[in-house]
Protein backbone atom coordinates (compact mmCIF):
# COMPACT_ATOMS: atom_id res chain seq x y z
CA MET A 1 0.90 34.03 -45.28
CA ARG A 2 3.31 32.24 -42.98
CA THR A 3 6.95 32.15 -43.73
CA ARG A 4 8.81 28.90 -43.53
CA LYS A 5 11.13 28.46 -40.62
CA PRO A 6 14.73 28.18 -41.70
CA GLU A 7 16.27 24.78 -41.15
CA LEU A 8 19.80 24.24 -39.96
CA ARG A 9 21.06 23.20 -43.36
CA ASN A 10 19.81 26.46 -44.89
CA LEU A 11 21.70 28.58 -42.37
CA ARG A 12 24.97 30.11 -43.34
CA PRO A 13 28.03 29.21 -41.29
CA GLY A 14 28.11 31.29 -38.13
CA GLU A 15 24.43 32.26 -38.39
CA LYS A 16 22.25 31.46 -35.38
CA LYS A 17 18.59 30.65 -35.24
CA LYS A 18 16.41 33.56 -34.31
CA ARG A 19 14.10 33.65 -31.33
CA GLU A 20 11.08 33.49 -33.64
CA ASP A 21 12.24 30.10 -34.89
CA TYR A 22 11.61 28.56 -31.44
CA ARG A 23 8.15 30.11 -31.00
CA GLY A 24 5.53 27.57 -29.86
CA ARG A 25 8.01 24.88 -28.86
CA SER A 26 8.40 26.02 -25.25
CA SER A 27 4.74 25.34 -24.45
CA VAL A 28 5.11 21.80 -25.74
CA LEU A 29 7.56 21.04 -22.93
CA PHE A 30 6.19 23.46 -20.35
CA ILE A 31 2.68 22.02 -20.02
CA PRO A 32 3.73 18.37 -19.40
CA CYS A 33 6.35 19.58 -16.93
CA VAL A 34 3.76 21.55 -14.96
CA VAL A 35 1.33 18.63 -14.98
CA PHE A 36 4.06 16.23 -13.83
CA CYS A 37 5.11 18.54 -10.97
CA PHE A 38 1.48 18.99 -9.92
CA LEU A 39 0.83 15.25 -9.85
CA LEU A 40 4.07 14.60 -8.00
CA THR A 41 3.20 17.08 -5.24
CA ILE A 42 -0.29 15.61 -4.88
CA HIS A 43 1.20 12.13 -4.60
CA CYS A 44 3.68 13.28 -1.95
CA PHE A 45 0.99 14.96 0.14
CA LEU A 46 -1.32 11.96 -0.02
CA SER A 47 1.35 9.38 0.74
CA THR A 48 2.59 11.14 3.89
CA GLY A 49 -0.66 10.31 5.69
CA ARG A 50 -0.07 6.60 5.26
CA ALA A 51 3.20 6.48 7.16
CA PHE A 52 2.92 4.81 10.56
CA SER A 53 5.30 5.02 13.45
CA GLN A 54 6.66 1.88 15.08
CA ASP A 55 4.43 2.38 18.13
CA ASP A 56 1.31 2.53 15.99
CA MET A 57 2.23 -0.75 14.35
CA MET A 58 2.65 -2.51 17.69
CA GLY A 59 -0.94 -1.77 18.75
CA PRO A 60 -2.66 -4.08 16.26
CA MET A 61 -0.02 -6.77 16.81
CA GLU A 62 -0.57 -6.70 20.56
CA LYS A 63 -4.33 -6.92 20.05
CA LYS A 64 -3.93 -9.95 17.81
CA GLN A 65 -1.61 -11.63 20.32
CA LYS A 66 -4.13 -10.98 23.08
CA GLU A 67 -6.93 -12.45 20.97
CA ILE A 68 -4.81 -15.52 20.21
CA LYS A 69 -4.10 -16.06 23.93
CA GLU A 70 -7.80 -15.75 24.75
CA ARG A 71 -8.65 -18.31 22.06
CA GLU A 72 -5.99 -20.69 23.37
CA GLU A 73 -7.37 -20.40 26.91
CA ALA A 74 -10.90 -21.03 25.67
CA LEU A 75 -9.71 -24.11 23.75
CA LYS A 76 -7.90 -25.46 26.83
CA LYS A 77 -11.03 -25.05 28.95
CA GLU A 78 -13.09 -26.78 26.28
CA GLU A 79 -10.58 -29.66 26.13
CA GLU A 80 -10.73 -30.05 29.91
CA ARG A 81 -14.53 -30.07 29.81
CA LEU A 82 -14.53 -32.69 27.06
CA ALA A 83 -12.00 -34.80 28.95
CA ILE A 84 -14.24 -34.75 32.03
CA LEU A 85 -17.28 -35.69 29.94
CA LYS A 86 -15.33 -38.51 28.31
CA LYS A 87 -14.34 -39.87 31.69
CA GLU A 88 -17.96 -39.70 32.91
CA VAL A 89 -19.19 -41.50 29.80
CA GLU A 90 -16.53 -44.21 30.17
CA ASP A 91 -17.48 -44.65 33.84
CA LYS A 92 -21.15 -45.03 32.92
CA ILE A 93 -20.28 -47.52 30.17
CA ASP A 94 -18.24 -49.59 32.64
CA LYS A 95 -21.08 -49.42 35.17
CA TYR A 96 -23.68 -50.64 32.67
CA THR A 97 -21.43 -53.38 31.29
CA LYS A 98 -20.95 -54.77 34.80
CA LEU A 99 -24.71 -54.93 35.28
């Protein structure tokens, strides 16, 4: 049969709790602490791979800027082509209205 653990109010003045009184309580705090430390180390190892240097970040930005410039040039060429076609159409309209 188990004996009851003495409570603080049942202790005499100057009497300390015995080591047996704390039995089983250390594992209650030890297991969550180990799990927390394990998860923290896994998180740290996984997050270090996501860090980028400044040079690595400039690469995608430069590619996007280059793509934007190419699109702008293509749009300018298309505008010039449309302007020429518009002028040709207006010339033909003037020619046919004079007839």
